[in-house]
PDB file of N, CA and C in Angstrom:
ATOM      1  N   MET A   1     -74.915 -66.461  66.793  1.00  0.00           N
ATOM      2  CA  MET A   1     -75.983 -65.523  66.574  1.00  0.00           C
ATOM      3  C   MET A   1     -75.540 -64.522  65.504  1.00  0.00           C
ATOM      4  N   SER A   2     -76.322 -64.366  64.465  1.00  0.00           N
ATOM      5  CA  SER A   2     -75.921 -63.478  63.377  1.00  0.00           C
ATOM      6  C   SER A   2     -76.063 -62.022  63.782  1.00  0.00           C
ATOM      7  N   ARG A   3     -75.277 -61.197  63.154  1.00  0.00           N
ATOM      8  CA  ARG A   3     -75.273 -59.789  63.460  1.00  0.00           C
ATOM      9  C   ARG A   3     -76.166 -59.037  62.484  1.00  0.00           C
ATOM     10  N   VAL A   4     -77.443 -59.380  62.494  1.00  0.00           N
ATOM     11  CA  VAL A   4     -78.424 -58.768  61.622  1.00  0.00           C
ATOM     12  C   VAL A   4     -79.630 -58.321  62.453  1.00  0.00           C
ATOM     13  N   CYS A   5     -80.091 -57.110  62.202  1.00  0.00           N
ATOM     14  CA  CYS A   5     -81.287 -56.585  62.890  1.00  0.00           C
ATOM     15  C   CYS A   5     -82.499 -57.349  62.452  1.00  0.00           C
ATOM     16  N   GLU A   6     -83.321 -57.796  63.418  1.00  0.00           N
ATOM     17  CA  GLU A   6     -84.490 -58.594  63.100  1.00  0.00           C
ATOM     18  C   GLU A   6     -85.636 -57.775  62.490  1.00  0.00           C
ATOM     19  N   LEU A   7     -85.645 -56.485  62.679  1.00  0.00           N
ATOM     20  CA  LEU A   7     -86.724 -55.635  62.172  1.00  0.00           C
ATOM     21  C   LEU A   7     -86.382 -54.904  60.896  1.00  0.00           C
ATOM     22  N   SER A   8     -85.150 -54.470  60.742  1.00  0.00           N
ATOM     23  CA  SER A   8     -84.776 -53.687  59.566  1.00  0.00           C
ATOM     24  C   SER A   8     -83.925 -54.461  58.569  1.00  0.00           C
ATOM     25  N   GLY A   9     -83.358 -55.573  58.976  1.00  0.00           N
ATOM     26  CA  GLY A   9     -82.492 -56.336  58.092  1.00  0.00           C
ATOM     27  C   GLY A   9     -81.101 -55.758  57.948  1.00  0.00           C
ATOM     28  N   LYS A  10     -80.762 -54.754  58.733  1.00  0.00           N
ATOM     29  CA  LYS A  10     -79.442 -54.124  58.653  1.00  0.00           C
ATOM     30  C   LYS A  10     -78.381 -55.098  59.118  1.00  0.00           C
ATOM     31  N   GLY A  11     -77.324 -55.251  58.337  1.00  0.00           N
ATOM     32  CA  GLY A  11     -76.226 -56.178  58.681  1.00  0.00           C
ATOM     33  C   GLY A  11     -74.905 -55.495  58.577  1.00  0.00           C
ATOM     34  N   PRO A  12     -73.804 -56.276  58.711  1.00  0.00           N
ATOM     35  CA  PRO A  12     -72.459 -55.681  58.626  1.00  0.00           C
ATOM     36  C   PRO A  12     -72.183 -55.104  57.251  1.00  0.00           C
ATOM     37  N   MET A  13     -71.414 -54.011  57.249  1.00  0.00           N
ATOM     38  CA  MET A  13     -70.923 -53.400  56.009  1.00  0.00           C
ATOM     39  C   MET A  13     -69.400 -53.512  56.007  1.00  0.00           C
ATOM     40  N   THR A  14     -68.807 -53.369  54.850  1.00  0.00           N
ATOM     41  CA  THR A  14     -67.348 -53.424  54.751  1.00  0.00           C
ATOM     42  C   THR A  14     -66.817 -52.081  54.294  1.00  0.00           C
ATOM     43  N   GLY A  15     -65.558 -51.848  54.634  1.00  0.00           N
ATOM     44  CA  GLY A  15     -64.876 -50.604  54.271  1.00  0.00           C
ATOM     45  C   GLY A  15     -63.397 -50.727  54.484  1.00  0.00           C
ATOM     46  N   ASN A  16     -62.725 -49.598  54.620  1.00  0.00           N
ATOM     47  CA  ASN A  16     -61.298 -49.588  54.812  1.00  0.00           C
ATOM     48  C   ASN A  16     -60.907 -48.893  56.112  1.00  0.00           C
ATOM     49  N   ASN A  17     -59.889 -49.453  56.788  1.00  0.00           N
ATOM     50  CA  ASN A  17     -59.140 -48.692  57.783  1.00  0.00           C
ATOM     51  C   ASN A  17     -58.103 -47.916  56.990  1.00  0.00           C
ATOM     52  N   VAL A  18     -57.957 -46.627  57.233  1.00  0.00           N
ATOM     53  CA  VAL A  18     -56.983 -45.828  56.518  1.00  0.00           C
ATOM     54  C   VAL A  18     -56.019 -45.244  57.572  1.00  0.00           C
ATOM     55  N   SER A  19     -54.753 -45.619  57.443  1.00  0.00           N
ATOM     56  CA  SER A  19     -53.747 -45.161  58.401  1.00  0.00           C
ATOM     57  C   SER A  19     -53.281 -43.748  58.039  1.00  0.00           C
ATOM     58  N   HIS A  20     -52.464 -43.201  58.920  1.00  0.00           N
ATOM     59  CA  HIS A  20     -51.923 -41.870  58.661  1.00  0.00           C
ATOM     60  C   HIS A  20     -51.058 -41.868  57.388  1.00  0.00           C
ATOM     61  N   ALA A  21     -50.390 -42.986  57.113  1.00  0.00           N
ATOM     62  CA  ALA A  21     -49.601 -43.116  55.881  1.00  0.00           C
ATOM     63  C   ALA A  21     -50.474 -43.468  54.647  1.00  0.00           C
ATOM     64  N   HIS A  22     -51.787 -43.479  54.865  1.00  0.00           N
ATOM     65  CA  HIS A  22     -52.777 -43.769  53.815  1.00  0.00           C
ATOM     66  C   HIS A  22     -52.724 -45.235  53.341  1.00  0.00           C
ATOM     67  N   ASN A  23     -52.298 -46.144  54.203  1.00  0.00           N
ATOM     68  CA  ASN A  23     -52.391 -47.576  53.908  1.00  0.00           C
ATOM     69  C   ASN A  23     -53.825 -47.989  54.156  1.00  0.00           C
ATOM     70  N   LYS A  24     -54.357 -48.791  53.280  1.00  0.00           N
ATOM     71  CA  LYS A  24     -55.761 -49.228  53.397  1.00  0.00           C
ATOM     72  C   LYS A  24     -55.822 -50.717  53.704  1.00  0.00           C
ATOM     73  N   THR A  25     -56.544 -51.088  54.755  1.00  0.00           N
ATOM     74  CA  THR A  25     -56.806 -52.483  55.080  1.00  0.00           C
ATOM     75  C   THR A  25     -58.314 -52.648  55.258  1.00  0.00           C
ATOM     76  N   ARG A  26     -58.819 -53.818  54.870  1.00  0.00           N
ATOM     77  CA  ARG A  26     -60.255 -54.053  54.912  1.00  0.00           C
ATOM     78  C   ARG A  26     -60.738 -54.220  56.354  1.00  0.00           C
ATOM     79  N   ARG A  27     -61.946 -53.787  56.642  1.00  0.00           N
ATOM     80  CA  ARG A  27     -62.553 -53.927  57.963  1.00  0.00           C
ATOM     81  C   ARG A  27     -64.028 -54.074  57.802  1.00  0.00           C
ATOM     82  N   ARG A  28     -64.720 -54.417  58.913  1.00  0.00           N
ATOM     83  CA  ARG A  28     -66.171 -54.550  58.948  1.00  0.00           C
ATOM     84  C   ARG A  28     -66.764 -53.513  59.896  1.00  0.00           C
ATOM     85  N   PHE A  29     -67.886 -52.916  59.459  1.00  0.00           N
ATOM     86  CA  PHE A  29     -68.649 -52.020  60.302  1.00  0.00           C
ATOM     87  C   PHE A  29     -69.889 -52.798  60.766  1.00  0.00           C
ATOM     88  N   LEU A  30     -69.966 -53.092  62.051  1.00  0.00           N
ATOM     89  CA  LEU A  30     -71.066 -53.889  62.585  1.00  0.00           C
ATOM     90  C   LEU A  30     -72.209 -52.984  63.019  1.00  0.00           C
ATOM     91  N   PRO A  31     -73.451 -53.401  62.881  1.00  0.00           N
ATOM     92  CA  PRO A  31     -74.591 -52.595  63.351  1.00  0.00           C
ATOM     93  C   PRO A  31     -74.642 -52.608  64.875  1.00  0.00           C
ATOM     94  N   ASN A  32     -75.181 -51.542  65.433  1.00  0.00           N
ATOM     95  CA  ASN A  32     -75.309 -51.407  66.882  1.00  0.00           C
ATOM     96  C   ASN A  32     -76.557 -52.150  67.332  1.00  0.00           C
ATOM     97  N   LEU A  33     -76.415 -53.466  67.636  1.00  0.00           N
ATOM     98  CA  LEU A  33     -77.561 -54.305  67.980  1.00  0.00           C
ATOM     99  C   LEU A  33     -77.764 -54.334  69.473  1.00  0.00           C
ATOM    100  N   GLN A  34     -79.047 -54.290  69.876  1.00  0.00           N
ATOM    101  CA  GLN A  34     -79.442 -54.339  71.295  1.00  0.00           C
ATOM    102  C   GLN A  34     -80.523 -55.396  71.424  1.00  0.00           C
ATOM    103  N   ASP A  35     -80.519 -56.116  72.568  1.00  0.00           N
ATOM    104  CA  ASP A  35     -81.565 -57.053  72.879  1.00  0.00           C
ATOM    105  C   ASP A  35     -82.674 -56.266  73.595  1.00  0.00           C
ATOM    106  N   VAL A  36     -83.856 -56.237  73.003  1.00  0.00           N
ATOM    107  CA  VAL A  36     -84.974 -55.447  73.560  1.00  0.00           C
ATOM    108  C   VAL A  36     -86.239 -56.276  73.621  1.00  0.00           C
ATOM    109  N   SER A  37     -87.126 -55.915  74.532  1.00  0.00           N
ATOM    110  CA  SER A  37     -88.489 -56.486  74.583  1.00  0.00           C
ATOM    111  C   SER A  37     -89.449 -55.375  74.180  1.00  0.00           C
ATOM    112  N   LEU A  38     -90.220 -55.655  73.127  1.00  0.00           N
ATOM    113  CA  LEU A  38     -91.152 -54.694  72.614  1.00  0.00           C
ATOM    114  C   LEU A  38     -92.588 -55.168  72.860  1.00  0.00           C
ATOM    115  N   MET A  39     -93.435 -54.260  73.301  1.00  0.00           N
ATOM    116  CA  MET A  39     -94.825 -54.591  73.658  1.00  0.00           C
ATOM    117  C   MET A  39     -95.734 -54.380  72.440  1.00  0.00           C
ATOM    118  N   SER A  40     -96.566 -55.369  72.160  1.00  0.00           N
ATOM    119  CA  SER A  40     -97.611 -55.252  71.151  1.00  0.00           C
ATOM    120  C   SER A  40     -98.915 -54.955  71.855  1.00  0.00           C
ATOM    121  N   GLU A  41     -99.535 -53.849  71.495  1.00  0.00           N
ATOM    122  CA  GLU A  41    -100.812 -53.475  72.132  1.00  0.00           C
ATOM    123  C   GLU A  41    -101.942 -54.296  71.566  1.00  0.00           C
ATOM    124  N   ALA A  42    -101.870 -54.702  70.302  1.00  0.00           N
ATOM    125  CA  ALA A  42    -102.938 -55.491  69.680  1.00  0.00           C
ATOM    126  C   ALA A  42    -102.981 -56.891  70.286  1.00  0.00           C
ATOM    127  N   LEU A  43    -101.811 -57.449  70.585  1.00  0.00           N
ATOM    128  CA  LEU A  43    -101.765 -58.835  71.132  1.00  0.00           C
ATOM    129  C   LEU A  43    -101.680 -58.848  72.654  1.00  0.00           C
ATOM    130  N   GLY A  44    -101.289 -57.705  73.269  1.00  0.00           N
ATOM    131  CA  GLY A  44    -101.230 -57.630  74.740  1.00  0.00           C
ATOM    132  C   GLY A  44    -100.075 -58.390  75.327  1.00  0.00           C
ATOM    133  N   ARG A  45     -98.955 -58.539  74.630  1.00  0.00           N
ATOM    134  CA  ARG A  45     -97.799 -59.229  75.181  1.00  0.00           C
ATOM    135  C   ARG A  45     -96.520 -58.655  74.600  1.00  0.00           C
ATOM    136  N   THR A  46     -95.394 -59.063  75.183  1.00  0.00           N
ATOM    137  CA  THR A  46     -94.104 -58.570  74.727  1.00  0.00           C
ATOM    138  C   THR A  46     -93.387 -59.610  73.876  1.00  0.00           C
ATOM    139  N   PHE A  47     -92.484 -59.141  73.028  1.00  0.00           N
ATOM    140  CA  PHE A  47     -91.670 -59.978  72.179  1.00  0.00           C
ATOM    141  C   PHE A  47     -90.240 -59.530  72.277  1.00  0.00           C
ATOM    142  N   LYS A  48     -89.303 -60.486  72.323  1.00  0.00           N
ATOM    143  CA  LYS A  48     -87.889 -60.175  72.400  1.00  0.00           C
ATOM    144  C   LYS A  48     -87.298 -60.205  70.994  1.00  0.00           C
ATOM    145  N   PHE A  49     -86.547 -59.129  70.649  1.00  0.00           N
ATOM    146  CA  PHE A  49     -85.898 -59.021  69.373  1.00  0.00           C
ATOM    147  C   PHE A  49     -84.482 -58.519  69.563  1.00  0.00           C
ATOM    148  N   ARG A  50     -83.632 -58.776  68.581  1.00  0.00           N
ATOM    149  CA  ARG A  50     -82.286 -58.214  68.544  1.00  0.00           C
ATOM    150  C   ARG A  50     -82.353 -57.119  67.437  1.00  0.00           C
ATOM    151  N   VAL A  51     -82.339 -55.854  67.899  1.00  0.00           N
ATOM    152  CA  VAL A  51     -82.696 -54.728  67.051  1.00  0.00           C
ATOM    153  C   VAL A  51     -81.566 -53.720  67.028  1.00  0.00           C
ATOM    154  N   SER A  52     -81.327 -53.089  65.877  1.00  0.00           N
ATOM    155  CA  SER A  52     -80.358 -51.996  65.792  1.00  0.00           C
ATOM    156  C   SER A  52     -80.966 -50.761  66.463  1.00  0.00           C
ATOM    157  N   SER A  53     -80.081 -49.882  66.937  1.00  0.00           N
ATOM    158  CA  SER A  53     -80.581 -48.667  67.616  1.00  0.00           C
ATOM    159  C   SER A  53     -81.343 -47.774  66.645  1.00  0.00           C
ATOM    160  N   ALA A  54     -80.973 -47.783  65.360  1.00  0.00           N
ATOM    161  CA  ALA A  54     -81.705 -47.003  64.364  1.00  0.00           C
ATOM    162  C   ALA A  54     -83.119 -47.522  64.182  1.00  0.00           C
ATOM    163  N   ALA A  55     -83.291 -48.847  64.143  1.00  0.00           N
ATOM    164  CA  ALA A  55     -84.618 -49.439  64.033  1.00  0.00           C
ATOM    165  C   ALA A  55     -85.441 -49.181  65.300  1.00  0.00           C
ATOM    166  N   LEU A  56     -84.793 -49.147  66.443  1.00  0.00           N
ATOM    167  CA  LEU A  56     -85.517 -48.891  67.692  1.00  0.00           C
ATOM    168  C   LEU A  56     -86.070 -47.465  67.701  1.00  0.00           C
ATOM    169  N   ARG A  57     -85.310 -46.500  67.152  1.00  0.00           N
ATOM    170  CA  ARG A  57     -85.807 -45.124  67.025  1.00  0.00           C
ATOM    171  C   ARG A  57     -86.996 -45.078  66.059  1.00  0.00           C
ATOM    172  N   THR A  58     -86.930 -45.879  65.009  1.00  0.00           N
ATOM    173  CA  THR A  58     -88.031 -45.917  64.059  1.00  0.00           C
ATOM    174  C   THR A  58     -89.294 -46.502  64.677  1.00  0.00           C
ATOM    175  N   VAL A  59     -89.138 -47.536  65.534  1.00  0.00           N
ATOM    176  CA  VAL A  59     -90.266 -48.127  66.224  1.00  0.00           C
ATOM    177  C   VAL A  59     -90.925 -47.070  67.107  1.00  0.00           C
ATOM    178  N   ASP A  60     -90.137 -46.290  67.844  1.00  0.00           N
ATOM    179  CA  ASP A  60     -90.672 -45.222  68.671  1.00  0.00           C
ATOM    180  C   ASP A  60     -91.377 -44.157  67.823  1.00  0.00           C
ATOM    181  N   HIS A  61     -90.781 -43.809  66.694  1.00  0.00           N
ATOM    182  CA  HIS A  61     -91.349 -42.765  65.828  1.00  0.00           C
ATOM    183  C   HIS A  61     -92.705 -43.174  65.248  1.00  0.00           C
ATOM    184  N   ARG A  62     -92.854 -44.464  64.926  1.00  0.00           N
ATOM    185  CA  ARG A  62     -94.102 -44.946  64.328  1.00  0.00           C
ATOM    186  C   ARG A  62     -95.145 -45.366  65.343  1.00  0.00           C
ATOM    187  N   GLY A  63     -94.874 -45.144  66.619  1.00  0.00           N
ATOM    188  CA  GLY A  63     -95.881 -45.379  67.649  1.00  0.00           C
ATOM    189  C   GLY A  63     -95.881 -46.767  68.246  1.00  0.00           C
ATOM    190  N   GLY A  64     -94.753 -47.421  68.269  1.00  0.00           N
ATOM    191  CA  GLY A  64     -94.673 -48.718  68.882  1.00  0.00           C
ATOM    192  C   GLY A  64     -94.531 -49.854  67.881  1.00  0.00           C
ATOM    193  N   LEU A  65     -94.505 -51.076  68.386  1.00  0.00           N
ATOM    194  CA  LEU A  65     -94.292 -52.254  67.562  1.00  0.00           C
ATOM    195  C   LEU A  65     -95.403 -52.424  66.538  1.00  0.00           C
ATOM    196  N   ASP A  66     -96.660 -52.203  66.926  1.00  0.00           N
ATOM    197  CA  ASP A  66     -97.782 -52.395  66.014  1.00  0.00           C
ATOM    198  C   ASP A  66     -97.695 -51.427  64.813  1.00  0.00           C
ATOM    199  N   GLY A  67     -97.392 -50.175  65.084  1.00  0.00           N
ATOM    200  CA  GLY A  67     -97.282 -49.196  64.017  1.00  0.00           C
ATOM    201  C   GLY A  67     -96.116 -49.475  63.094  1.00  0.00           C
ATOM    202  N   PHE A  68     -95.026 -49.963  63.678  1.00  0.00           N
ATOM    203  CA  PHE A  68     -93.858 -50.298  62.865  1.00  0.00           C
ATOM    204  C   PHE A  68     -94.159 -51.483  61.942  1.00  0.00           C
ATOM    205  N   MET A  69     -94.824 -52.495  62.475  1.00  0.00           N
ATOM    206  CA  MET A  69     -95.112 -53.718  61.685  1.00  0.00           C
ATOM    207  C   MET A  69     -96.079 -53.430  60.550  1.00  0.00           C
ATOM    208  N   MET A  70     -96.966 -52.429  60.719  1.00  0.00           N
ATOM    209  CA  MET A  70     -97.909 -52.089  59.645  1.00  0.00           C
ATOM    210  C   MET A  70     -97.158 -51.583  58.397  1.00  0.00           C
ATOM    211  N   LYS A  71     -96.071 -50.826  58.597  1.00  0.00           N
ATOM    212  CA  LYS A  71     -95.374 -50.220  57.485  1.00  0.00           C
ATOM    213  C   LYS A  71     -94.103 -50.996  57.079  1.00  0.00           C
ATOM    214  N   ALA A  72     -93.733 -52.016  57.838  1.00  0.00           N
ATOM    215  CA  ALA A  72     -92.502 -52.755  57.555  1.00  0.00           C
ATOM    216  C   ALA A  72     -92.616 -53.595  56.295  1.00  0.00           C
ATOM    217  N   LYS A  73     -91.503 -53.716  55.559  1.00  0.00           N
ATOM    218  CA  LYS A  73     -91.466 -54.588  54.401  1.00  0.00           C
ATOM    219  C   LYS A  73     -91.276 -56.028  54.870  1.00  0.00           C
ATOM    220  N   GLU A  74     -91.989 -56.942  54.253  1.00  0.00           N
ATOM    221  CA  GLU A  74     -91.953 -58.349  54.637  1.00  0.00           C
ATOM    222  C   GLU A  74     -90.536 -58.904  54.417  1.00  0.00           C
ATOM    223  N   THR A  75     -89.816 -58.445  53.409  1.00  0.00           N
ATOM    224  CA  THR A  75     -88.488 -58.968  53.103  1.00  0.00           C
ATOM    225  C   THR A  75     -87.419 -58.584  54.121  1.00  0.00           C
ATOM    226  N   ASP A  76     -87.604 -57.436  54.803  1.00  0.00           N
ATOM    227  CA  ASP A  76     -86.620 -56.983  55.779  1.00  0.00           C
ATOM    228  C   ASP A  76     -86.739 -57.713  57.110  1.00  0.00           C
ATOM    229  N   LEU A  77     -87.906 -58.269  57.423  1.00  0.00           N
ATOM    230  CA  LEU A  77     -88.148 -58.880  58.717  1.00  0.00           C
ATOM    231  C   LEU A  77     -87.566 -60.306  58.820  1.00  0.00           C
ATOM    232  N   SER A  78     -87.165 -60.673  60.031  1.00  0.00           N
ATOM    233  CA  SER A  78     -86.708 -62.040  60.277  1.00  0.00           C
ATOM    234  C   SER A  78     -87.924 -62.955  60.307  1.00  0.00           C
ATOM    235  N   PRO A  79     -87.717 -64.275  60.230  1.00  0.00           N
ATOM    236  CA  PRO A  79     -88.885 -65.194  60.302  1.00  0.00           C
ATOM    237  C   PRO A  79     -89.713 -65.042  61.579  1.00  0.00           C
ATOM    238  N   ALA A  80     -89.071 -64.795  62.708  1.00  0.00           N
ATOM    239  CA  ALA A  80     -89.815 -64.593  63.958  1.00  0.00           C
ATOM    240  C   ALA A  80     -90.644 -63.316  63.898  1.00  0.00           C
ATOM    241  N   ALA A  81     -90.073 -62.256  63.328  1.00  0.00           N
ATOM    242  CA  ALA A  81     -90.764 -60.972  63.236  1.00  0.00           C
ATOM    243  C   ALA A  81     -91.923 -61.102  62.219  1.00  0.00           C
ATOM    244  N   ARG A  82     -91.751 -61.886  61.160  1.00  0.00           N
ATOM    245  CA  ARG A  82     -92.826 -62.098  60.204  1.00  0.00           C
ATOM    246  C   ARG A  82     -94.020 -62.753  60.856  1.00  0.00           C
ATOM    247  N   LYS A  83     -93.775 -63.720  61.764  1.00  0.00           N
ATOM    248  CA  LYS A  83     -94.852 -64.387  62.469  1.00  0.00           C
ATOM    249  C   LYS A  83     -95.581 -63.386  63.376  1.00  0.00           C
ATOM    250  N   VAL A  84     -94.832 -62.549  64.075  1.00  0.00           N
ATOM    251  CA  VAL A  84     -95.458 -61.539  64.948  1.00  0.00           C
ATOM    252  C   VAL A  84     -96.286 -60.573  64.089  1.00  0.00           C
ATOM    253  N   ARG A  85     -95.778 -60.164  62.931  1.00  0.00           N
ATOM    254  CA  ARG A  85     -96.500 -59.258  62.065  1.00  0.00           C
ATOM    255  C   ARG A  85     -97.811 -59.875  61.604  1.00  0.00           C
ATOM    256  N   LYS A  86     -97.762 -61.171  61.231  1.00  0.00           N
ATOM    257  CA  LYS A  86     -98.954 -61.887  60.808  1.00  0.00           C
ATOM    258  C   LYS A  86     -99.993 -61.941  61.933  1.00  0.00           C
ATOM    259  N   ASP A  87     -99.534 -62.184  63.161  1.00  0.00           N
ATOM    260  CA  ASP A  87    -100.443 -62.252  64.314  1.00  0.00           C
ATOM    261  C   ASP A  87    -101.053 -60.863  64.613  1.00  0.00           C
ATOM    262  N   ILE A  88    -100.274 -59.800  64.462  1.00  0.00           N
ATOM    263  CA  ILE A  88    -100.770 -58.459  64.702  1.00  0.00           C
ATOM    264  C   ILE A  88    -101.837 -58.088  63.667  1.00  0.00           C
ATOM    265  N   LEU A  89    -101.547 -58.409  62.398  1.00  0.00           N
ATOM    266  CA  LEU A  89    -102.530 -58.147  61.345  1.00  0.00           C
ATOM    267  C   LEU A  89    -103.823 -58.872  61.557  1.00  0.00           C
ATOM    268  N   ALA A  90    -103.747 -60.136  62.006  1.00  0.00           N
ATOM    269  CA  ALA A  90    -104.926 -60.936  62.291  1.00  0.00           C
ATOM    270  C   ALA A  90    -105.722 -60.359  63.467  1.00  0.00           C
ATOM    271  N   ALA A  91    -104.999 -59.934  64.514  1.00  0.00           N
ATOM    272  CA  ALA A  91    -105.694 -59.350  65.680  1.00  0.00           C
ATOM    273  C   ALA A  91    -106.376 -58.020  65.324  1.00  0.00           C
ATOM    274  N   ARG A  92    -105.712 -57.237  64.478  1.00  0.00           N
ATOM    275  CA  ARG A  92    -106.333 -55.971  64.050  1.00  0.00           C
ATOM    276  C   ARG A  92    -107.544 -56.163  63.184  1.00  0.00           C
ATOM    277  N   ALA A  93    -107.501 -57.214  62.328  1.00  0.00           N
ATOM    278  CA  ALA A  93    -108.640 -57.517  61.458  1.00  0.00           C
ATOM    279  C   ALA A  93    -109.824 -58.035  62.268  1.00  0.00           C
ATOM    280  N   ALA A  94    -109.547 -58.775  63.318  1.00  0.00           N
ATOM    281  CA  ALA A  94    -110.607 -59.311  64.167  1.00  0.00           C
ATOM    282  C   ALA A  94    -111.262 -58.236  65.024  1.00  0.00           C
ATOM    283  N   ALA A  95    -110.498 -57.202  65.376  1.00  0.00           N
ATOM    284  CA  ALA A  95    -111.026 -56.120  66.224  1.00  0.00           C
ATOM    285  C   ALA A  95    -111.877 -55.137  65.522  1.00  0.00           C
TER     286      ALA A  95
END
């Protein structure tokens, strides 16, 4: 399972461990990913995603999964999230 957020596209970053003697060794900074179920009000069902905690705060700030998907960039979303976004847009257009 890749360590990439399905909603924001956030992935591992690289940097240095710096010792007291100022020796530098390469390391990875992994995103804080959580397995969550998010409810779509337009579709009336839940979807499971692997989301970073920062993206989860953004989902709450934008008023839930539907509000987040309206403003999300297509390139940042995973293929599963793109399908959910397409379904939400279709349900909103039909309503």
